PDB file of N, CA and C in Angstrom:
ATOM      1  N   MET A   1       0.816  -1.198   0.000  1.00  0.00           N
ATOM      2  CA  MET A   1       0.000   0.000   0.000  1.00  0.00           C
ATOM      3  C   MET A   1       0.860   1.264   0.000  1.00  0.00           C
ATOM      4  N   LEU A   2       2.131   1.091  -0.326  1.00  0.00           N
ATOM      5  CA  LEU A   2       3.028   2.236  -0.382  1.00  0.00           C
ATOM      6  C   LEU A   2       2.812   2.981  -1.693  1.00  0.00           C
ATOM      7  N   ASP A   3       2.491   4.261  -1.595  1.00  0.00           N
ATOM      8  CA  ASP A   3       2.278   5.088  -2.783  1.00  0.00           C
ATOM      9  C   ASP A   3       3.638   5.383  -3.416  1.00  0.00           C
ATOM     10  N   PRO A   4       3.874   4.927  -4.641  1.00  0.00           N
ATOM     11  CA  PRO A   4       5.195   5.115  -5.255  1.00  0.00           C
ATOM     12  C   PRO A   4       5.528   6.572  -5.558  1.00  0.00           C
ATOM     13  N   VAL A   5       4.523   7.409  -5.695  1.00  0.00           N
ATOM     14  CA  VAL A   5       4.760   8.821  -6.000  1.00  0.00           C
ATOM     15  C   VAL A   5       5.146   9.596  -4.746  1.00  0.00           C
ATOM     16  N   THR A   6       4.353   9.429  -3.684  1.00  0.00           N
ATOM     17  CA  THR A   6       4.598  10.202  -2.452  1.00  0.00           C
ATOM     18  C   THR A   6       5.511   9.481  -1.471  1.00  0.00           C
ATOM     19  N   GLY A   7       5.623   8.143  -1.599  1.00  0.00           N
ATOM     20  CA  GLY A   7       6.424   7.373  -0.657  1.00  0.00           C
ATOM     21  C   GLY A   7       5.744   7.203   0.681  1.00  0.00           C
ATOM     22  N   THR A   8       4.432   7.444   0.728  1.00  0.00           N
ATOM     23  CA  THR A   8       3.690   7.298   1.977  1.00  0.00           C
ATOM     24  C   THR A   8       2.758   6.098   1.892  1.00  0.00           C
ATOM     25  N   CYS A   9       2.307   5.637   3.035  1.00  0.00           N
ATOM     26  CA  CYS A   9       1.423   4.481   3.118  1.00  0.00           C
ATOM     27  C   CYS A   9      -0.024   4.940   3.030  1.00  0.00           C
ATOM     28  N   ASP A  10      -0.762   4.379   2.079  1.00  0.00           N
ATOM     29  CA  ASP A  10      -2.167   4.738   1.912  1.00  0.00           C
ATOM     30  C   ASP A  10      -3.041   4.220   3.056  1.00  0.00           C
ATOM     31  N   LEU A  11      -2.571   3.235   3.783  1.00  0.00           N
ATOM     32  CA  LEU A  11      -3.342   2.660   4.890  1.00  0.00           C
ATOM     33  C   LEU A  11      -2.881   3.146   6.260  1.00  0.00           C
ATOM     34  N   TYR A  12      -2.002   4.145   6.316  1.00  0.00           N
ATOM     35  CA  TYR A  12      -1.369   4.508   7.580  1.00  0.00           C
ATOM     36  C   TYR A  12      -2.381   4.755   8.695  1.00  0.00           C
ATOM     37  N   ALA A  13      -3.436   5.503   8.413  1.00  0.00           N
ATOM     38  CA  ALA A  13      -4.414   5.830   9.458  1.00  0.00           C
ATOM     39  C   ALA A  13      -5.146   4.596   9.979  1.00  0.00           C
ATOM     40  N   ALA A  14      -5.297   3.557   9.157  1.00  0.00           N
ATOM     41  CA  ALA A  14      -6.012   2.347   9.562  1.00  0.00           C
ATOM     42  C   ALA A  14      -5.125   1.124   9.397  1.00  0.00           C
ATOM     43  N   ARG A  15      -3.830   1.294   9.636  1.00  0.00           N
ATOM     44  CA  ARG A  15      -2.869   0.218   9.380  1.00  0.00           C
ATOM     45  C   ARG A  15      -3.050  -0.956  10.326  1.00  0.00           C
ATOM     46  N   PRO A  16      -2.729  -2.162   9.852  1.00  0.00           N
ATOM     47  CA  PRO A  16      -2.851  -3.364  10.682  1.00  0.00           C
ATOM     48  C   PRO A  16      -1.826  -3.372  11.821  1.00  0.00           C
ATOM     49  N   VAL A  17      -2.045  -4.264  12.768  1.00  0.00           N
ATOM     50  CA  VAL A  17      -1.164  -4.378  13.927  1.00  0.00           C
ATOM     51  C   VAL A  17       0.284  -4.585  13.491  1.00  0.00           C
ATOM     52  N   GLN A  18       0.516  -5.410  12.480  1.00  0.00           N
ATOM     53  CA  GLN A  18       1.882  -5.668  12.032  1.00  0.00           C
ATOM     54  C   GLN A  18       2.573  -4.363  11.647  1.00  0.00           C
ATOM     55  N   CYS A  19       1.851  -3.495  10.981  1.00  0.00           N
ATOM     56  CA  CYS A  19       2.444  -2.227  10.565  1.00  0.00           C
ATOM     57  C   CYS A  19       2.620  -1.289  11.748  1.00  0.00           C
ATOM     58  N   ARG A  20       1.681  -1.316  12.686  1.00  0.00           N
ATOM     59  CA  ARG A  20       1.784  -0.427  13.847  1.00  0.00           C
ATOM     60  C   ARG A  20       2.953  -0.804  14.739  1.00  0.00           C
ATOM     61  N   THR A  21       3.294  -2.080  14.765  1.00  0.00           N
ATOM     62  CA  THR A  21       4.382  -2.504  15.638  1.00  0.00           C
ATOM     63  C   THR A  21       5.721  -2.573  14.921  1.00  0.00           C
ATOM     64  N   PHE A  22       5.735  -2.393  13.599  1.00  0.00           N
ATOM     65  CA  PHE A  22       6.983  -2.409  12.851  1.00  0.00           C
ATOM     66  C   PHE A  22       7.598  -1.015  12.856  1.00  0.00           C
ATOM     67  N   GLY A  23       8.886  -0.979  12.995  1.00  0.00           N
ATOM     68  CA  GLY A  23       9.569   0.276  12.805  1.00  0.00           C
ATOM     69  C   GLY A  23       9.913   1.084  14.030  1.00  0.00           C
ATOM     70  N   PRO A  24       9.729   0.574  15.266  1.00  0.00           N
ATOM     71  CA  PRO A  24      10.149   1.407  16.392  1.00  0.00           C
ATOM     72  C   PRO A  24      11.662   1.554  16.374  1.00  0.00           C
ATOM     73  N   PRO A  25      12.174   2.701  16.778  1.00  0.00           N
ATOM     74  CA  PRO A  25      13.629   2.865  16.810  1.00  0.00           C
ATOM     75  C   PRO A  25      14.273   1.815  17.717  1.00  0.00           C
ATOM     76  N   MET A  26      15.265   1.114  17.175  1.00  0.00           N
ATOM     77  CA  MET A  26      15.975   0.071  17.914  1.00  0.00           C
ATOM     78  C   MET A  26      17.462   0.196  17.649  1.00  0.00           C
ATOM     79  N   ARG A  27      18.264  -0.280  18.577  1.00  0.00           N
ATOM     80  CA  ARG A  27      19.713  -0.288  18.408  1.00  0.00           C
ATOM     81  C   ARG A  27      20.121  -1.518  17.619  1.00  0.00           C
ATOM     82  N   ASP A  28      21.027  -1.327  16.651  1.00  0.00           N
ATOM     83  CA  ASP A  28      21.554  -2.463  15.908  1.00  0.00           C
ATOM     84  C   ASP A  28      22.768  -3.022  16.652  1.00  0.00           C
ATOM     85  N   GLU A  29      23.440  -3.998  16.055  1.00  0.00           N
ATOM     86  CA  GLU A  29      24.573  -4.656  16.707  1.00  0.00           C
ATOM     87  C   GLU A  29      25.697  -3.685  17.054  1.00  0.00           C
ATOM     88  N   GLU A  30      25.826  -2.617  16.282  1.00  0.00           N
ATOM     89  CA  GLU A  30      26.884  -1.628  16.537  1.00  0.00           C
ATOM     90  C   GLU A  30      26.427  -0.514  17.470  1.00  0.00           C
ATOM     91  N   GLY A  31      25.177  -0.579  17.941  1.00  0.00           N
ATOM     92  CA  GLY A  31      24.672   0.433  18.856  1.00  0.00           C
ATOM     93  C   GLY A  31      24.056   1.642  18.184  1.00  0.00           C
ATOM     94  N   HIS A  32      23.911   1.602  16.852  1.00  0.00           N
ATOM     95  CA  HIS A  32      23.279   2.705  16.135  1.00  0.00           C
ATOM     96  C   HIS A  32      21.770   2.611  16.267  1.00  0.00           C
ATOM     97  N   LEU A  33      21.130   3.749  16.441  1.00  0.00           N
ATOM     98  CA  LEU A  33      19.672   3.784  16.529  1.00  0.00           C
ATOM     99  C   LEU A  33      19.101   3.768  15.118  1.00  0.00           C
ATOM    100  N   THR A  34      18.363   2.712  14.779  1.00  0.00           N
ATOM    101  CA  THR A  34      17.795   2.566  13.442  1.00  0.00           C
ATOM    102  C   THR A  34      16.277   2.694  13.516  1.00  0.00           C
ATOM    103  N   VAL A  35      15.669   3.182  12.451  1.00  0.00           N
ATOM    104  CA  VAL A  35      14.226   3.392  12.426  1.00  0.00           C
ATOM    105  C   VAL A  35      13.655   3.022  11.058  1.00  0.00           C
ATOM    106  N   CYS A  36      12.352   2.878  11.011  1.00  0.00           N
ATOM    107  CA  CYS A  36      11.638   2.761   9.744  1.00  0.00           C
ATOM    108  C   CYS A  36      11.535   4.171   9.186  1.00  0.00           C
ATOM    109  N   GLU A  37      12.131   4.400   8.046  1.00  0.00           N
ATOM    110  CA  GLU A  37      12.165   5.744   7.471  1.00  0.00           C
ATOM    111  C   GLU A  37      10.774   6.297   7.184  1.00  0.00           C
ATOM    112  N   LEU A  38       9.806   5.434   6.874  1.00  0.00           N
ATOM    113  CA  LEU A  38       8.465   5.924   6.580  1.00  0.00           C
ATOM    114  C   LEU A  38       7.732   6.387   7.831  1.00  0.00           C
ATOM    115  N   CYS A  39       8.091   5.834   8.982  1.00  0.00           N
ATOM    116  CA  CYS A  39       7.417   6.213  10.226  1.00  0.00           C
ATOM    117  C   CYS A  39       7.999   7.486  10.837  1.00  0.00           C
ATOM    118  N   PHE A  40       9.203   7.838  10.474  1.00  0.00           N
ATOM    119  CA  PHE A  40       9.875   8.962  11.122  1.00  0.00           C
ATOM    120  C   PHE A  40      10.398   9.972  10.103  1.00  0.00           C
ATOM    121  N   THR A  41       9.595  10.270   9.080  1.00  0.00           N
ATOM    122  CA  THR A  41      10.065  11.133   7.996  1.00  0.00           C
ATOM    123  C   THR A  41      10.384  12.553   8.448  1.00  0.00           C
ATOM    124  N   ASN A  42       9.609  13.104   9.359  1.00  0.00           N
ATOM    125  CA  ASN A  42       9.828  14.486   9.792  1.00  0.00           C
ATOM    126  C   ASN A  42      10.271  14.582  11.244  1.00  0.00           C
ATOM    127  N   ALA A  43      10.684  13.489  11.826  1.00  0.00           N
ATOM    128  CA  ALA A  43      11.063  13.479  13.236  1.00  0.00           C
ATOM    129  C   ALA A  43      12.505  13.928  13.413  1.00  0.00           C
ATOM    130  N   SER A  44      12.723  14.698  14.454  1.00  0.00           N
ATOM    131  CA  SER A  44      14.087  15.102  14.788  1.00  0.00           C
ATOM    132  C   SER A  44      14.794  13.934  15.466  1.00  0.00           C
ATOM    133  N   ALA A  45      16.094  14.030  15.587  1.00  0.00           N
ATOM    134  CA  ALA A  45      16.873  12.977  16.256  1.00  0.00           C
ATOM    135  C   ALA A  45      16.399  12.801  17.698  1.00  0.00           C
ATOM    136  N   GLU A  46      16.027  13.894  18.349  1.00  0.00           N
ATOM    137  CA  GLU A  46      15.548  13.824  19.734  1.00  0.00           C
ATOM    138  C   GLU A  46      14.206  13.094  19.814  1.00  0.00           C
ATOM    139  N   GLU A  47      13.317  13.355  18.860  1.00  0.00           N
ATOM    140  CA  GLU A  47      12.028  12.676  18.843  1.00  0.00           C
ATOM    141  C   GLU A  47      12.215  11.182  18.598  1.00  0.00           C
ATOM    142  N   VAL A  48      13.103  10.836  17.698  1.00  0.00           N
ATOM    143  CA  VAL A  48      13.385   9.425  17.427  1.00  0.00           C
ATOM    144  C   VAL A  48      13.935   8.761  18.687  1.00  0.00           C
ATOM    145  N   ALA A  49      14.868   9.424  19.359  1.00  0.00           N
ATOM    146  CA  ALA A  49      15.478   8.860  20.569  1.00  0.00           C
ATOM    147  C   ALA A  49      14.434   8.629  21.659  1.00  0.00           C
ATOM    148  N   ARG A  50      13.444   9.509  21.771  1.00  0.00           N
ATOM    149  CA  ARG A  50      12.399   9.343  22.789  1.00  0.00           C
ATOM    150  C   ARG A  50      11.529   8.122  22.511  1.00  0.00           C
ATOM    151  N   CYS A  51      11.490   7.680  21.265  1.00  0.00           N
ATOM    152  CA  CYS A  51      10.649   6.537  20.877  1.00  0.00           C
ATOM    153  C   CYS A  51      11.412   5.215  20.881  1.00  0.00           C
ATOM    154  N   GLU A  52      12.669   5.252  21.275  1.00  0.00           N
ATOM    155  CA  GLU A  52      13.486   4.035  21.228  1.00  0.00           C
ATOM    156  C   GLU A  52      12.841   2.904  22.014  1.00  0.00           C
ATOM    157  N   MET A  53      12.816   1.726  21.396  1.00  0.00           N
ATOM    158  CA  MET A  53      12.238   0.549  22.037  1.00  0.00           C
ATOM    159  C   MET A  53      13.228  -0.045  23.040  1.00  0.00           C
ATOM    160  N   ASP A  54      12.755  -0.276  24.244  1.00  0.00           N
ATOM    161  CA  ASP A  54      13.575  -0.907  25.275  1.00  0.00           C
ATOM    162  C   ASP A  54      13.744  -2.377  24.925  1.00  0.00           C
ATOM    163  N   GLN A  55      14.985  -2.811  24.790  1.00  0.00           N
ATOM    164  CA  GLN A  55      15.252  -4.209  24.457  1.00  0.00           C
ATOM    165  C   GLN A  55      15.831  -4.964  25.654  1.00  0.00           C
ATOM    166  N   GLY A  56      15.512  -4.499  26.849  1.00  0.00           N
ATOM    167  CA  GLY A  56      15.990  -5.147  28.055  1.00  0.00           C
ATOM    168  C   GLY A  56      15.517  -6.586  28.209  1.00  0.00           C
ATOM    169  N   TRP A  57      14.521  -6.985  27.436  1.00  0.00           N
ATOM    170  CA  TRP A  57      13.977  -8.341  27.494  1.00  0.00           C
ATOM    171  C   TRP A  57      14.848  -9.350  26.759  1.00  0.00           C
ATOM    172  N   ARG A  58      15.788  -8.884  25.930  1.00  0.00           N
ATOM    173  CA  ARG A  58      16.581  -9.817  25.111  1.00  0.00           C
ATOM    174  C   ARG A  58      17.368 -10.851  25.924  1.00  0.00           C
ATOM    175  N   PRO A  59      18.037 -10.477  27.021  1.00  0.00           N
ATOM    176  CA  PRO A  59      18.747 -11.513  27.793  1.00  0.00           C
ATOM    177  C   PRO A  59      17.803 -12.596  28.330  1.00  0.00           C
ATOM    178  N   LEU A  60      16.604 -12.201  28.733  1.00  0.00           N
ATOM    179  CA  LEU A  60      15.631 -13.187  29.207  1.00  0.00           C
ATOM    180  C   LEU A  60      15.216 -14.106  28.066  1.00  0.00           C
ATOM    181  N   GLU A  61      14.991 -13.537  26.892  1.00  0.00           N
ATOM    182  CA  GLU A  61      14.640 -14.350  25.729  1.00  0.00           C
ATOM    183  C   GLU A  61      15.748 -15.358  25.430  1.00  0.00           C
ATOM    184  N   ASP A  62      16.996 -14.900  25.431  1.00  0.00           N
ATOM    185  CA  ASP A  62      18.128 -15.795  25.167  1.00  0.00           C
ATOM    186  C   ASP A  62      18.190 -16.925  26.190  1.00  0.00           C
ATOM    187  N   ALA A  63      17.973 -16.596  27.461  1.00  0.00           N
ATOM    188  CA  ALA A  63      18.005 -17.609  28.518  1.00  0.00           C
ATOM    189  C   ALA A  63      16.873 -18.616  28.349  1.00  0.00           C
ATOM    190  N   LEU A  64      15.686 -18.143  28.007  1.00  0.00           N
ATOM    191  CA  LEU A  64      14.543 -19.048  27.828  1.00  0.00           C
ATOM    192  C   LEU A  64      14.740 -19.954  26.615  1.00  0.00           C
ATOM    193  N   ILE A  65      15.309 -19.420  25.545  1.00  0.00           N
ATOM    194  CA  ILE A  65      15.588 -20.245  24.363  1.00  0.00           C
ATOM    195  C   ILE A  65      16.624 -21.308  24.701  1.00  0.00           C
ATOM    196  N   ALA A  66      17.679 -20.914  25.403  1.00  0.00           N
ATOM    197  CA  ALA A  66      18.714 -21.881  25.791  1.00  0.00           C
ATOM    198  C   ALA A  66      18.130 -22.970  26.682  1.00  0.00           C
ATOM    199  N   GLN A  67      17.272 -22.580  27.612  1.00  0.00           N
ATOM    200  CA  GLN A  67      16.637 -23.552  28.499  1.00  0.00           C
ATOM    201  C   GLN A  67      15.765 -24.517  27.700  1.00  0.00           C
ATOM    202  N   ALA A  68      14.976 -23.993  26.776  1.00  0.00           N
ATOM    203  CA  ALA A  68      14.101 -24.849  25.963  1.00  0.00           C
ATOM    204  C   ALA A  68      14.921 -25.786  25.086  1.00  0.00           C
ATOM    205  N   GLU A  69      16.012 -25.288  24.513  1.00  0.00           N
ATOM    206  CA  GLU A  69      16.836 -26.119  23.639  1.00  0.00           C
ATOM    207  C   GLU A  69      17.591 -27.193  24.405  1.00  0.00           C
ATOM    208  N   SER A  70      17.834 -26.981  25.697  1.00  0.00           N
ATOM    209  CA  SER A  70      18.556 -27.978  26.481  1.00  0.00           C
ATOM    210  C   SER A  70      17.647 -29.115  26.960  1.00  0.00           C
ATOM    211  N   ASP A  71      16.358 -28.942  26.866  1.00  0.00           N
ATOM    212  CA  ASP A  71      15.397 -29.964  27.289  1.00  0.00           C
ATOM    213  C   ASP A  71      15.291 -31.006  26.178  1.00  0.00           C
ATOM    214  N   PRO A  72      15.600 -32.293  26.450  1.00  0.00           N
ATOM    215  CA  PRO A  72      15.547 -33.334  25.416  1.00  0.00           C
ATOM    216  C   PRO A  72      14.171 -33.478  24.769  1.00  0.00           C
ATOM    217  N   VAL A  73      13.133 -33.126  25.476  1.00  0.00           N
ATOM    218  CA  VAL A  73      11.784 -33.195  24.929  1.00  0.00           C
ATOM    219  C   VAL A  73      11.650 -32.286  23.709  1.00  0.00           C
ATOM    220  N   ASN A  74      12.439 -31.231  23.660  1.00  0.00           N
ATOM    221  CA  ASN A  74      12.352 -30.272  22.561  1.00  0.00           C
ATOM    222  C   ASN A  74      13.327 -30.579  21.431  1.00  0.00           C
ATOM    223  N   ALA A  75      13.953 -31.755  21.455  1.00  0.00           N
ATOM    224  CA  ALA A  75      14.968 -32.090  20.453  1.00  0.00           C
ATOM    225  C   ALA A  75      14.360 -32.442  19.095  1.00  0.00           C
ATOM    226  N   ALA A  76      13.132 -32.904  19.084  1.00  0.00           N
ATOM    227  CA  ALA A  76      12.494 -33.299  17.828  1.00  0.00           C
ATOM    228  C   ALA A  76      11.878 -32.088  17.145  1.00  0.00           C
ATOM    229  N   PRO A  77      11.540 -32.232  15.873  1.00  0.00           N
ATOM    230  CA  PRO A  77      10.852 -31.141  15.183  1.00  0.00           C
ATOM    231  C   PRO A  77       9.555 -30.781  15.908  1.00  0.00           C
ATOM    232  N   THR A  78       9.226 -29.532  15.900  1.00  0.00           N
ATOM    233  CA  THR A  78       8.042 -29.064  16.628  1.00  0.00           C
ATOM    234  C   THR A  78       6.942 -28.677  15.658  1.00  0.00           C
ATOM    235  N   LEU A  79       5.778 -29.180  15.902  1.00  0.00           N
ATOM    236  CA  LEU A  79       4.599 -28.769  15.170  1.00  0.00           C
ATOM    237  C   LEU A  79       3.765 -27.912  16.116  1.00  0.00           C
ATOM    238  N   ILE A  80       3.203 -26.844  15.612  1.00  0.00           N
ATOM    239  CA  ILE A  80       2.429 -25.936  16.452  1.00  0.00           C
ATOM    240  C   ILE A  80       1.313 -26.664  17.167  1.00  0.00           C
ATOM    241  N   ALA A  81       0.566 -27.501  16.476  1.00  0.00           N
ATOM    242  CA  ALA A  81      -0.542 -28.214  17.115  1.00  0.00           C
ATOM    243  C   ALA A  81      -0.027 -29.105  18.255  1.00  0.00           C
ATOM    244  N   PHE A  82       1.081 -29.777  18.030  1.00  0.00           N
ATOM    245  CA  PHE A  82       1.654 -30.631  19.077  1.00  0.00           C
ATOM    246  C   PHE A  82       2.099 -29.795  20.266  1.00  0.00           C
ATOM    247  N   ALA A  83       2.733 -28.666  19.999  1.00  0.00           N
ATOM    248  CA  ALA A  83       3.210 -27.799  21.072  1.00  0.00           C
ATOM    249  C   ALA A  83       2.046 -27.279  21.902  1.00  0.00           C
ATOM    250  N   LEU A  84       0.927 -26.979  21.263  1.00  0.00           N
ATOM    251  CA  LEU A  84      -0.226 -26.464  21.992  1.00  0.00           C
ATOM    252  C   LEU A  84      -0.887 -27.521  22.872  1.00  0.00           C
ATOM    253  N   THR A  85      -0.744 -28.793  22.515  1.00  0.00           N
ATOM    254  CA  THR A  85      -1.388 -29.853  23.298  1.00  0.00           C
ATOM    255  C   THR A  85      -0.523 -30.313  24.459  1.00  0.00           C
ATOM    256  N   ARG A  86       0.745 -29.879  24.499  1.00  0.00           N
ATOM    257  CA  ARG A  86       1.641 -30.337  25.570  1.00  0.00           C
ATOM    258  C   ARG A  86       1.263 -29.783  26.879  1.00  0.00           C
TER     259      ARG A  86
END
């Protein structure tokens, strides 16, 4: 739904959840603050910085993934339906 002439999203006002949650300013591996250019076209660096997504949850995610991968029950291929019935 990206307008090729204006470079804007025609659905922005009624955009789906996926679009609303895509593009928050986040730090990359080098620590640079990156953003979705379409969401922050007229934003100053200070405005972008105020919107930075807190990624403090990443260490917990890594620990939970490591814990799940160390469980022999999780060694086989996983099907969503099977996982939901466990």
